[in-house]
Amino acid sequence: MIKIDSIKDYLTINETFNWGIYKTPRWNEYKNIVDIGANICLSLFLCNQPNVESLIAIEPNDEVLNIARVNLNHIIKGINL
């Protein structure tokens, strides 16, 4: 389950998963992902490829960061942000 806070979050989810806007022909070559403006941290779901070794997600907005924390804690138990 993903926590969302606004219609913009819903649109981001739609763009990411239904439209696949972040998919590239070289996706299976990426080892490290840097997500600047992580929003609700959907980049974590994009990193489920076996070749991905690390993710750095940066979100400067405290309100949005709290939603990202909730989402990450649902996916990775015991994460400390």
Protein backbone atom coordinates (compact mmCIF):
# COMPACT_ATOMS: atom_id res chain seq x y z
CA MET A 1 0.00 0.00 0.00
CA ILE A 2 1.24 3.48 -0.91
CA LYS A 3 0.21 6.54 1.10
CA ILE A 4 -0.74 9.51 -1.04
CA ASP A 5 -1.69 12.99 0.06
CA SER A 6 -2.97 14.72 -3.06
CA ILE A 7 -4.20 14.29 -6.61
CA LYS A 8 -0.65 15.09 -7.73
CA ASP A 9 0.54 11.95 -5.93
CA TYR A 10 -2.09 9.91 -7.75
CA LEU A 11 -0.96 11.37 -11.08
CA THR A 12 2.67 10.56 -10.22
CA ILE A 13 1.71 6.94 -9.52
CA ASN A 14 -0.20 6.76 -12.81
CA GLU A 15 2.71 8.23 -14.79
CA THR A 16 5.20 5.91 -13.13
CA PHE A 17 3.41 2.59 -13.32
CA ASN A 18 0.81 2.89 -16.11
CA TRP A 19 2.69 5.11 -18.52
CA GLY A 20 6.18 3.87 -17.57
CA ILE A 21 7.71 7.33 -18.01
CA TYR A 22 10.94 6.36 -16.23
CA LYS A 23 11.57 3.17 -18.17
CA THR A 24 14.47 3.37 -20.60
CA PRO A 25 15.96 0.80 -22.99
CA ARG A 26 19.04 0.66 -20.72
CA TRP A 27 17.11 0.17 -17.46
CA ASN A 28 18.71 -3.23 -16.84
CA GLU A 29 22.18 -1.61 -16.91
CA TYR A 30 21.63 0.80 -14.01
CA LYS A 31 23.32 -0.17 -10.75
CA ASN A 32 22.89 3.03 -8.74
CA ILE A 33 19.79 5.23 -8.73
CA VAL A 34 19.75 8.85 -7.52
CA ASP A 35 16.26 10.31 -7.13
CA ILE A 36 16.41 14.07 -6.54
CA GLY A 37 12.98 15.32 -5.58
CA ALA A 38 11.93 11.86 -4.43
CA ASN A 39 8.36 12.95 -3.70
CA ILE A 40 6.54 9.97 -2.16
CA CYS A 41 9.52 7.70 -2.92
CA LEU A 42 8.16 5.68 -5.82
CA SER A 43 11.75 5.27 -7.02
CA LEU A 44 12.04 2.43 -4.55
CA PHE A 45 9.57 0.43 -6.63
CA LEU A 46 11.55 1.19 -9.78
CA CYS A 47 14.65 -0.24 -8.12
CA ASN A 48 13.32 -3.77 -7.85
CA GLN A 49 15.48 -4.83 -10.79
CA PRO A 50 18.18 -7.38 -9.88
CA ASN A 51 20.96 -5.15 -11.24
CA VAL A 52 20.18 -2.20 -8.91
CA GLU A 53 22.55 -2.08 -5.94
CA SER A 54 21.71 1.25 -4.31
CA LEU A 55 19.21 4.08 -4.16
CA ILE A 56 19.78 7.61 -2.91
CA ALA A 57 16.49 9.50 -2.58
CA ILE A 58 16.49 13.21 -1.72
CA GLU A 59 13.32 15.11 -0.78
CA PRO A 60 13.69 18.63 0.66
CA ASN A 61 9.99 19.24 1.40
CA ASP A 62 9.31 18.13 5.01
CA GLU A 63 5.60 17.45 4.42
CA VAL A 64 6.30 15.23 1.43
CA LEU A 65 9.25 13.63 3.21
CA ASN A 66 6.93 12.41 5.96
CA ILE A 67 4.80 10.62 3.35
CA ALA A 68 7.93 9.09 1.83
CA ARG A 69 8.92 7.83 5.28
CA VAL A 70 5.54 6.13 5.73
CA ASN A 71 5.82 4.51 2.30
CA LEU A 72 9.37 3.32 2.91
CA ASN A 73 8.49 1.90 6.30
CA HIS A 74 5.73 -0.16 4.68
CA ILE A 75 8.23 -1.62 2.24
CA ILE A 76 11.41 -1.89 4.32
CA LYS A 77 10.74 -2.75 7.93
CA GLY A 78 12.99 -1.06 10.47
CA ILE A 79 14.39 1.57 8.10
CA ASN A 80 15.77 4.64 9.85
CA LEU A 81 15.40 7.88 7.91
